[in-house]
Amino acid sequence: MEPNSAVRSKSAGAVFDGIAVVAKAATAAVLAFLVILVCGEAFLRSAFNHSLGFAEEVTGYCVVMLTFFGAALALRGGTLFQVQFLFDRLPKSAAAWIMRGFALGALVICLALMVKTNDLMLSSLSRGKFAATVLRTPLWIPQLLMPAGFALIGVFLVEQLLLTFDRFKR
């Protein structure tokens, strides 16, 4: 049996499916943009000894977004690290309770991090802070990626929690 094969096909409903579609589309768009930007920067540097100047800053923002959204999608897809051989040996009810505990604990941590990173973003917004870079990006814009990423992870943690109950399995 392929590890986590049963988890990959599970969904707790159309709302979660819709959120996943939007997250996948955003992730794909940012990844495509990142590849074009990095390849363009490499070409300009090697062919014309010229740099865009802002590429490093923007790629950093893209990597942050891809990290958070990728982690959320991996959680939903059941491809995050899990000690599957232990779960396979447990009775279904015990495995469900362990998963509930994990989901609830992770959700509490995720919510705390979402609140803290949102506070950081709001602080930067209210104080009008800008990055000391070529683009002079208002810091709240890239900082918004963190609470958004934690929120997305939180949504899929809620889905994982719901999937431990039989009535939510489709």
N, C-alpha and C. Protein backbone atom coordinates (compact mmCIF):
# COMPACT_ATOMS: atom_id res chain seq x y z
N MET A 1 0.84 -1.19 0.00
CA MET A 1 0.00 0.00 0.00
C MET A 1 0.88 1.24 0.00
N GLU A 2 0.53 2.21 -0.80
CA GLU A 2 1.27 3.46 -0.87
C GLU A 2 1.00 4.26 0.40
N PRO A 3 2.05 4.85 1.02
CA PRO A 3 1.83 5.62 2.24
C PRO A 3 0.87 6.78 2.00
N ASN A 4 -0.03 6.99 2.92
CA ASN A 4 -0.97 8.10 2.91
C ASN A 4 -1.90 8.10 1.71
N SER A 5 -2.02 7.01 0.98
CA SER A 5 -2.87 7.02 -0.21
C SER A 5 -4.33 7.31 0.15
N ALA A 6 -4.76 6.84 1.30
CA ALA A 6 -6.14 7.10 1.71
C ALA A 6 -6.33 8.56 2.08
N VAL A 7 -5.30 9.19 2.64
CA VAL A 7 -5.41 10.57 3.08
C VAL A 7 -5.51 11.52 1.89
N ARG A 8 -4.76 11.26 0.84
CA ARG A 8 -4.72 12.16 -0.31
C ARG A 8 -6.08 12.38 -0.96
N SER A 9 -6.92 11.39 -0.94
CA SER A 9 -8.20 11.50 -1.64
C SER A 9 -9.31 12.06 -0.76
N LYS A 10 -9.05 12.31 0.49
CA LYS A 10 -10.10 12.75 1.41
C LYS A 10 -10.30 14.26 1.34
N SER A 11 -11.55 14.63 1.48
CA SER A 11 -11.93 16.03 1.51
C SER A 11 -13.09 16.17 2.48
N ALA A 12 -13.12 17.27 3.21
CA ALA A 12 -14.21 17.49 4.15
C ALA A 12 -15.31 18.35 3.55
N GLY A 13 -15.22 18.64 2.27
CA GLY A 13 -16.30 19.39 1.63
C GLY A 13 -15.84 20.33 0.54
N ALA A 14 -16.82 20.88 -0.15
CA ALA A 14 -16.56 21.74 -1.30
C ALA A 14 -15.85 23.04 -0.90
N VAL A 15 -16.11 23.54 0.29
CA VAL A 15 -15.45 24.77 0.73
C VAL A 15 -13.94 24.56 0.79
N PHE A 16 -13.52 23.46 1.38
CA PHE A 16 -12.09 23.16 1.48
C PHE A 16 -11.50 22.90 0.10
N ASP A 17 -12.26 22.24 -0.76
CA ASP A 17 -11.80 22.00 -2.13
C ASP A 17 -11.60 23.32 -2.87
N GLY A 18 -12.54 24.24 -2.71
CA GLY A 18 -12.44 25.55 -3.35
C GLY A 18 -11.24 26.34 -2.87
N ILE A 19 -11.02 26.32 -1.56
CA ILE A 19 -9.86 27.02 -0.99
C ILE A 19 -8.58 26.41 -1.53
N ALA A 20 -8.55 25.10 -1.64
CA ALA A 20 -7.36 24.42 -2.17
C ALA A 20 -7.11 24.79 -3.63
N VAL A 21 -8.17 24.89 -4.42
CA VAL A 21 -8.01 25.27 -5.83
C VAL A 21 -7.42 26.67 -5.94
N VAL A 22 -7.92 27.61 -5.14
CA VAL A 22 -7.40 28.97 -5.16
C VAL A 22 -5.93 28.99 -4.70
N ALA A 23 -5.63 28.25 -3.64
CA ALA A 23 -4.25 28.19 -3.14
C ALA A 23 -3.31 27.58 -4.17
N LYS A 24 -3.76 26.52 -4.85
CA LYS A 24 -2.93 25.89 -5.89
C LYS A 24 -2.70 26.85 -7.05
N ALA A 25 -3.74 27.57 -7.45
CA ALA A 25 -3.60 28.52 -8.56
C ALA A 25 -2.64 29.65 -8.19
N ALA A 26 -2.78 30.18 -6.98
CA ALA A 26 -1.88 31.25 -6.54
C ALA A 26 -0.45 30.75 -6.45
N THR A 27 -0.27 29.55 -5.92
CA THR A 27 1.06 28.97 -5.80
C THR A 27 1.68 28.73 -7.18
N ALA A 28 0.89 28.21 -8.10
CA ALA A 28 1.39 27.97 -9.46
C ALA A 28 1.78 29.28 -10.14
N ALA A 29 0.95 30.31 -9.98
CA ALA A 29 1.25 31.61 -10.60
C ALA A 29 2.53 32.21 -10.03
N VAL A 30 2.67 32.16 -8.71
CA VAL A 30 3.87 32.72 -8.08
C VAL A 30 5.11 31.91 -8.47
N LEU A 31 4.98 30.60 -8.54
CA LEU A 31 6.12 29.77 -8.94
C LEU A 31 6.53 30.07 -10.38
N ALA A 32 5.56 30.21 -11.28
CA ALA A 32 5.88 30.54 -12.68
C ALA A 32 6.55 31.91 -12.76
N PHE A 33 6.02 32.88 -12.02
CA PHE A 33 6.63 34.22 -11.99
C PHE A 33 8.05 34.15 -11.45
N LEU A 34 8.25 33.37 -10.40
CA LEU A 34 9.57 33.23 -9.79
C LEU A 34 10.57 32.64 -10.78
N VAL A 35 10.18 31.62 -11.50
CA VAL A 35 11.07 31.00 -12.49
C VAL A 35 11.42 32.00 -13.58
N ILE A 36 10.43 32.73 -14.08
CA ILE A 36 10.69 33.73 -15.12
C ILE A 36 11.62 34.82 -14.61
N LEU A 37 11.38 35.28 -13.39
CA LEU A 37 12.20 36.34 -12.81
C LEU A 37 13.65 35.88 -12.62
N VAL A 38 13.84 34.71 -12.05
CA VAL A 38 15.20 34.21 -11.80
C VAL A 38 15.92 33.93 -13.11
N CYS A 39 15.23 33.32 -14.07
CA CYS A 39 15.86 33.05 -15.37
C CYS A 39 16.19 34.35 -16.09
N GLY A 40 15.29 35.31 -16.03
CA GLY A 40 15.55 36.61 -16.64
C GLY A 40 16.73 37.31 -16.00
N GLU A 41 16.79 37.26 -14.69
CA GLU A 41 17.92 37.87 -13.97
C GLU A 41 19.23 37.19 -14.34
N ALA A 42 19.23 35.86 -14.38
CA ALA A 42 20.45 35.12 -14.74
C ALA A 42 20.87 35.45 -16.18
N PHE A 43 19.91 35.52 -17.09
CA PHE A 43 20.22 35.84 -18.48
C PHE A 43 20.80 37.25 -18.59
N LEU A 44 20.15 38.22 -17.95
CA LEU A 44 20.64 39.60 -18.02
C LEU A 44 22.03 39.74 -17.44
N ARG A 45 22.29 39.05 -16.34
CA ARG A 45 23.62 39.13 -15.73
C ARG A 45 24.69 38.51 -16.61
N SER A 46 24.39 37.35 -17.18
CA SER A 46 25.41 36.66 -17.98
C SER A 46 25.57 37.26 -19.37
N ALA A 47 24.49 37.68 -19.99
CA ALA A 47 24.57 38.18 -21.37
C ALA A 47 24.93 39.67 -21.45
N PHE A 48 24.41 40.46 -20.52
CA PHE A 48 24.59 41.91 -20.62
C PHE A 48 25.25 42.54 -19.39
N ASN A 49 25.67 41.71 -18.44
CA ASN A 49 26.28 42.21 -17.20
C ASN A 49 25.40 43.28 -16.55
N HIS A 50 24.10 43.00 -16.53
CA HIS A 50 23.12 43.94 -15.97
C HIS A 50 22.19 43.17 -15.03
N SER A 51 21.83 43.81 -13.93
CA SER A 51 20.91 43.19 -12.97
C SER A 51 19.64 44.02 -12.89
N LEU A 52 18.54 43.34 -12.65
CA LEU A 52 17.27 44.04 -12.47
C LEU A 52 17.26 44.85 -11.17
N GLY A 53 18.07 44.46 -10.22
CA GLY A 53 18.18 45.20 -8.97
C GLY A 53 17.15 44.81 -7.92
N PHE A 54 15.98 44.52 -8.35
CA PHE A 54 14.90 44.17 -7.42
C PHE A 54 14.63 42.67 -7.35
N ALA A 55 15.29 41.91 -8.20
CA ALA A 55 14.98 40.48 -8.32
C ALA A 55 15.19 39.73 -7.00
N GLU A 56 16.27 40.03 -6.31
CA GLU A 56 16.55 39.32 -5.06
C GLU A 56 15.46 39.57 -4.02
N GLU A 57 15.02 40.80 -3.92
CA GLU A 57 13.97 41.14 -2.96
C GLU A 57 12.66 40.43 -3.29
N VAL A 58 12.26 40.49 -4.53
CA VAL A 58 10.99 39.90 -4.95
C VAL A 58 11.04 38.38 -4.85
N THR A 59 12.18 37.77 -5.20
CA THR A 59 12.28 36.32 -5.07
C THR A 59 12.15 35.89 -3.61
N GLY A 60 12.67 36.69 -2.71
CA GLY A 60 12.51 36.38 -1.28
C GLY A 60 11.05 36.36 -0.87
N TYR A 61 10.29 37.34 -1.33
CA TYR A 61 8.86 37.38 -1.02
C TYR A 61 8.15 36.17 -1.62
N CYS A 62 8.52 35.82 -2.84
CA CYS A 62 7.91 34.66 -3.50
C CYS A 62 8.20 33.36 -2.75
N VAL A 63 9.43 33.22 -2.28
CA VAL A 63 9.81 32.00 -1.55
C VAL A 63 9.02 31.89 -0.24
N VAL A 64 8.81 33.01 0.43
CA VAL A 64 8.02 32.98 1.67
C VAL A 64 6.60 32.51 1.37
N MET A 65 6.00 33.07 0.33
CA MET A 65 4.64 32.67 -0.04
C MET A 65 4.58 31.20 -0.40
N LEU A 66 5.54 30.74 -1.22
CA LEU A 66 5.56 29.34 -1.64
C LEU A 66 5.76 28.40 -0.46
N THR A 67 6.55 28.81 0.51
CA THR A 67 6.79 27.98 1.69
C THR A 67 5.50 27.78 2.49
N PHE A 68 4.81 28.86 2.79
CA PHE A 68 3.58 28.76 3.58
C PHE A 68 2.48 28.03 2.82
N PHE A 69 2.24 28.44 1.59
CA PHE A 69 1.16 27.82 0.82
C PHE A 69 1.50 26.37 0.48
N GLY A 70 2.76 26.10 0.20
CA GLY A 70 3.18 24.72 -0.07
C GLY A 70 3.00 23.82 1.14
N ALA A 71 3.32 24.34 2.32
CA ALA A 71 3.13 23.56 3.55
C ALA A 71 1.64 23.27 3.77
N ALA A 72 0.80 24.26 3.52
CA ALA A 72 -0.64 24.07 3.69
C ALA A 72 -1.17 23.01 2.72
N LEU A 73 -0.74 23.10 1.47
CA LEU A 73 -1.20 22.13 0.47
C LEU A 73 -0.64 20.73 0.75
N ALA A 74 0.59 20.67 1.27
CA ALA A 74 1.16 19.36 1.63
C ALA A 74 0.39 18.75 2.80
N LEU A 75 -0.01 19.58 3.75
CA LEU A 75 -0.82 19.10 4.87
C LEU A 75 -2.13 18.52 4.34
N ARG A 76 -2.77 19.25 3.46
CA ARG A 76 -4.04 18.78 2.90
C ARG A 76 -3.86 17.50 2.09
N GLY A 77 -2.78 17.41 1.36
CA GLY A 77 -2.54 16.25 0.52
C GLY A 77 -2.02 15.04 1.27
N GLY A 78 -1.74 15.20 2.55
CA GLY A 78 -1.23 14.09 3.34
C GLY A 78 0.21 13.74 3.05
N THR A 79 0.97 14.72 2.56
CA THR A 79 2.36 14.44 2.19
C THR A 79 3.37 15.02 3.18
N LEU A 80 2.90 15.57 4.28
CA LEU A 80 3.82 16.00 5.32
C LEU A 80 4.33 14.78 6.07
N PHE A 81 5.44 14.95 6.76
CA PHE A 81 6.04 13.85 7.50
C PHE A 81 5.05 13.29 8.52
N GLN A 82 4.94 11.98 8.54
CA GLN A 82 4.08 11.31 9.50
C GLN A 82 4.66 9.92 9.74
N VAL A 83 4.62 9.47 10.95
CA VAL A 83 5.15 8.15 11.28
C VAL A 83 4.05 7.14 10.94
N GLN A 84 3.92 6.88 9.65
CA GLN A 84 2.81 6.07 9.13
C GLN A 84 2.84 4.64 9.64
N PHE A 85 4.03 4.07 9.79
CA PHE A 85 4.08 2.67 10.24
C PHE A 85 3.51 2.52 11.65
N LEU A 86 3.58 3.57 12.46
CA LEU A 86 2.95 3.51 13.79
C LEU A 86 1.43 3.67 13.67
N PHE A 87 1.00 4.61 12.83
CA PHE A 87 -0.44 4.81 12.64
C PHE A 87 -1.10 3.55 12.07
N ASP A 88 -0.40 2.85 11.19
CA ASP A 88 -0.96 1.64 10.59
C ASP A 88 -1.16 0.53 11.62
N ARG A 89 -0.39 0.54 12.70
CA ARG A 89 -0.48 -0.51 13.71
C ARG A 89 -1.50 -0.19 14.82
N LEU A 90 -1.95 1.04 14.86
CA LEU A 90 -2.91 1.44 15.89
C LEU A 90 -4.33 1.11 15.46
N PRO A 91 -5.20 0.88 16.45
CA PRO A 91 -6.62 0.76 16.11
C PRO A 91 -7.10 2.10 15.52
N LYS A 92 -8.10 2.04 14.66
CA LYS A 92 -8.58 3.26 13.99
C LYS A 92 -8.98 4.35 14.97
N SER A 93 -9.63 3.95 16.06
CA SER A 93 -10.08 4.95 17.03
C SER A 93 -8.89 5.63 17.71
N ALA A 94 -7.86 4.87 18.04
CA ALA A 94 -6.67 5.46 18.66
C ALA A 94 -5.96 6.40 17.69
N ALA A 95 -5.83 5.97 16.44
CA ALA A 95 -5.19 6.83 15.43
C ALA A 95 -5.99 8.11 15.23
N ALA A 96 -7.32 8.00 15.26
CA ALA A 96 -8.17 9.18 15.10
C ALA A 96 -7.97 10.15 16.26
N TRP A 97 -7.88 9.63 17.49
CA TRP A 97 -7.68 10.51 18.64
C TRP A 97 -6.30 11.16 18.63
N ILE A 98 -5.29 10.43 18.20
CA ILE A 98 -3.95 11.02 18.08
C ILE A 98 -3.97 12.13 17.03
N MET A 99 -4.63 11.88 15.92
CA MET A 99 -4.73 12.89 14.87
C MET A 99 -5.50 14.11 15.35
N ARG A 100 -6.56 13.89 16.13
CA ARG A 100 -7.32 15.01 16.69
C ARG A 100 -6.44 15.85 17.61
N GLY A 101 -5.66 15.17 18.45
CA GLY A 101 -4.75 15.89 19.34
C GLY A 101 -3.72 16.69 18.57
N PHE A 102 -3.14 16.08 17.53
CA PHE A 102 -2.18 16.79 16.69
C PHE A 102 -2.84 18.00 16.04
N ALA A 103 -4.01 17.80 15.45
CA ALA A 103 -4.68 18.88 14.73
C ALA A 103 -5.04 20.03 15.66
N LEU A 104 -5.56 19.70 16.85
CA LEU A 104 -5.92 20.76 17.80
C LEU A 104 -4.69 21.50 18.31
N GLY A 105 -3.64 20.75 18.67
CA GLY A 105 -2.40 21.40 19.13
C GLY A 105 -1.78 22.27 18.05
N ALA A 106 -1.72 21.75 16.84
CA ALA A 106 -1.15 22.51 15.74
C ALA A 106 -2.00 23.73 15.41
N LEU A 107 -3.31 23.59 15.54
CA LEU A 107 -4.21 24.71 15.27
C LEU A 107 -4.02 25.82 16.29
N VAL A 108 -3.85 25.48 17.55
CA VAL A 108 -3.60 26.49 18.59
C VAL A 108 -2.30 27.23 18.29
N ILE A 109 -1.25 26.49 17.97
CA ILE A 109 0.04 27.11 17.64
C ILE A 109 -0.09 27.98 16.40
N CYS A 110 -0.78 27.47 15.40
CA CYS A 110 -0.97 28.20 14.15
C CYS A 110 -1.74 29.50 14.38
N LEU A 111 -2.78 29.44 15.18
CA LEU A 111 -3.56 30.64 15.49
C LEU A 111 -2.73 31.67 16.24
N ALA A 112 -1.92 31.21 17.19
CA ALA A 112 -1.05 32.13 17.93
C ALA A 112 -0.05 32.80 16.99
N LEU A 113 0.55 32.02 16.11
CA LEU A 113 1.50 32.59 15.15
C LEU A 113 0.81 33.52 14.16
N MET A 114 -0.41 33.19 13.78
CA MET A 114 -1.16 34.05 12.88
C MET A 114 -1.44 35.40 13.54
N VAL A 115 -1.85 35.37 14.79
CA VAL A 115 -2.13 36.62 15.52
C VAL A 115 -0.87 37.45 15.67
N LYS A 116 0.24 36.81 16.05
CA LYS A 116 1.49 37.55 16.26
C LYS A 116 2.02 38.14 14.96
N THR A 117 1.99 37.36 13.87
CA THR A 117 2.49 37.89 12.60
C THR A 117 1.55 38.95 12.05
N ASN A 118 0.25 38.83 12.34
CA ASN A 118 -0.69 39.87 11.95
C ASN A 118 -0.41 41.16 12.72
N ASP A 119 -0.10 41.04 14.02
CA ASP A 119 0.27 42.22 14.81
C ASP A 119 1.51 42.90 14.24
N LEU A 120 2.50 42.11 13.84
CA LEU A 120 3.71 42.65 13.22
C LEU A 120 3.37 43.41 11.95
N MET A 121 2.53 42.82 11.12
CA MET A 121 2.13 43.45 9.86
C MET A 121 1.37 44.75 10.13
N LEU A 122 0.44 44.72 11.07
CA LEU A 122 -0.33 45.93 11.40
C LEU A 122 0.56 47.02 11.98
N SER A 123 1.57 46.62 12.75
CA SER A 123 2.53 47.59 13.30
C SER A 123 3.31 48.27 12.18
N SER A 124 3.76 47.49 11.22
CA SER A 124 4.49 48.06 10.09
C SER A 124 3.59 48.97 9.27
N LEU A 125 2.34 48.59 9.12
CA LEU A 125 1.38 49.40 8.37
C LEU A 125 1.13 50.73 9.07
N SER A 126 0.89 50.68 10.38
CA SER A 126 0.57 51.90 11.11
C SER A 126 1.76 52.85 11.23
N ARG A 127 2.97 52.29 11.25
CA ARG A 127 4.16 53.14 11.36
C ARG A 127 4.74 53.53 10.00
N GLY A 128 4.15 53.02 8.93
CA GLY A 128 4.61 53.38 7.59
C GLY A 128 6.02 52.91 7.28
N LYS A 129 6.38 51.72 7.74
CA LYS A 129 7.74 51.22 7.54
C LYS A 129 7.91 50.69 6.11
N PHE A 130 9.09 50.97 5.55
CA PHE A 130 9.44 50.52 4.21
C PHE A 130 10.72 49.72 4.26
N ALA A 131 10.89 48.81 3.31
CA ALA A 131 12.13 48.04 3.20
C ALA A 131 13.22 48.98 2.68
N ALA A 132 14.42 48.82 3.21
CA ALA A 132 15.57 49.63 2.77
C ALA A 132 16.18 48.99 1.53
N THR A 133 15.39 48.91 0.47
CA THR A 133 15.80 48.25 -0.76
C THR A 133 15.48 49.15 -1.95
N VAL A 134 15.81 48.68 -3.13
CA VAL A 134 15.56 49.43 -4.36
C VAL A 134 14.07 49.74 -4.52
N LEU A 135 13.23 48.76 -4.25
CA LEU A 135 11.79 48.95 -4.44
C LEU A 135 11.12 49.75 -3.33
N ARG A 136 11.78 49.85 -2.18
CA ARG A 136 11.19 50.50 -1.00
C ARG A 136 9.77 49.98 -0.74
N THR A 137 9.68 48.67 -0.72
CA THR A 137 8.39 48.00 -0.50
C THR A 137 7.86 48.32 0.89
N PRO A 138 6.60 48.74 0.99
CA PRO A 138 6.02 48.87 2.33
C PRO A 138 6.07 47.50 3.00
N LEU A 139 6.63 47.44 4.21
CA LEU A 139 6.87 46.14 4.85
C LEU A 139 5.61 45.35 5.13
N TRP A 140 4.49 46.02 5.25
CA TRP A 140 3.26 45.28 5.55
C TRP A 140 2.86 44.36 4.40
N ILE A 141 3.28 44.68 3.18
CA ILE A 141 2.89 43.84 2.04
C ILE A 141 3.53 42.45 2.13
N PRO A 142 4.86 42.34 2.23
CA PRO A 142 5.40 40.98 2.38
C PRO A 142 5.06 40.34 3.73
N GLN A 143 4.89 41.16 4.76
CA GLN A 143 4.55 40.61 6.07
C GLN A 143 3.13 40.05 6.09
N LEU A 144 2.29 40.48 5.18
CA LEU A 144 0.94 39.95 5.06
C LEU A 144 0.95 38.48 4.65
N LEU A 145 2.02 38.05 3.99
CA LEU A 145 2.12 36.65 3.56
C LEU A 145 2.15 35.69 4.74
N MET A 146 2.74 36.12 5.86
CA MET A 146 2.85 35.22 7.01
C MET A 146 1.50 34.92 7.66
N PRO A 147 0.71 35.93 8.07
CA PRO A 147 -0.60 35.57 8.64
C PRO A 147 -1.51 34.88 7.63
N ALA A 148 -1.40 35.26 6.35
CA ALA A 148 -2.21 34.58 5.33
C ALA A 148 -1.80 33.11 5.22
N GLY A 149 -0.51 32.84 5.27
CA GLY A 149 -0.02 31.47 5.21
C GLY A 149 -0.44 30.66 6.42
N PHE A 150 -0.33 31.25 7.61
CA PHE A 150 -0.77 30.55 8.81
C PHE A 150 -2.28 30.32 8.79
N ALA A 151 -3.03 31.27 8.24
CA ALA A 151 -4.48 31.09 8.13
C ALA A 151 -4.81 29.92 7.21
N LEU A 152 -4.10 29.83 6.09
CA LEU A 152 -4.34 28.73 5.15
C LEU A 152 -3.99 27.38 5.79
N ILE A 153 -2.88 27.34 6.49
CA ILE A 153 -2.52 26.11 7.20
C ILE A 153 -3.60 25.78 8.23
N GLY A 154 -4.09 26.80 8.93
CA GLY A 154 -5.15 26.60 9.92
C GLY A 154 -6.42 26.04 9.31
N VAL A 155 -6.79 26.53 8.13
CA VAL A 155 -7.98 26.02 7.44
C VAL A 155 -7.84 24.53 7.17
N PHE A 156 -6.66 24.13 6.69
CA PHE A 156 -6.49 22.71 6.36
C PHE A 156 -6.27 21.86 7.61
N LEU A 157 -5.84 22.47 8.72
CA LEU A 157 -5.82 21.73 9.99
C LEU A 157 -7.24 21.46 10.47
N VAL A 158 -8.12 22.44 10.29
CA VAL A 158 -9.53 22.23 10.64
C VAL A 158 -10.10 21.10 9.79
N GLU A 159 -9.75 21.08 8.50
CA GLU A 159 -10.22 19.99 7.64
C GLU A 159 -9.70 18.64 8.13
N GLN A 160 -8.42 18.59 8.50
CA GLN A 160 -7.86 17.33 9.01
C GLN A 160 -8.58 16.89 10.28
N LEU A 161 -8.91 17.85 11.13
CA LEU A 161 -9.65 17.54 12.35
C LEU A 161 -11.04 16.98 12.00
N LEU A 162 -11.73 17.63 11.08
CA LEU A 162 -13.06 17.16 10.68
C LEU A 162 -13.01 15.76 10.07
N LEU A 163 -11.95 15.46 9.34
CA LEU A 163 -11.84 14.16 8.68
C LEU A 163 -11.63 13.00 9.67
N THR A 164 -11.33 13.32 10.93
CA THR A 164 -11.20 12.25 11.92
C THR A 164 -12.58 11.76 12.39
N PHE A 165 -13.62 12.48 11.99
CA PHE A 165 -15.00 12.08 12.31
C PHE A 165 -15.64 11.51 11.05
N ASP A 166 -16.26 10.36 11.19
CA ASP A 166 -16.82 9.65 10.04
C ASP A 166 -17.83 10.46 9.23
N ARG A 167 -18.61 11.31 9.89
CA ARG A 167 -19.68 12.01 9.15
C ARG A 167 -19.15 13.06 8.18
N PHE A 168 -17.87 13.45 8.31
CA PHE A 168 -17.30 14.45 7.40
C PHE A 168 -16.54 13.82 6.24
N LYS A 169 -16.35 12.53 6.27
CA LYS A 169 -15.61 11.86 5.19
C LYS A 169 -16.52 11.72 3.99
N ARG A 170 -15.97 12.03 2.81
CA ARG A 170 -16.75 11.90 1.58
C ARG A 170 -16.23 10.75 0.76
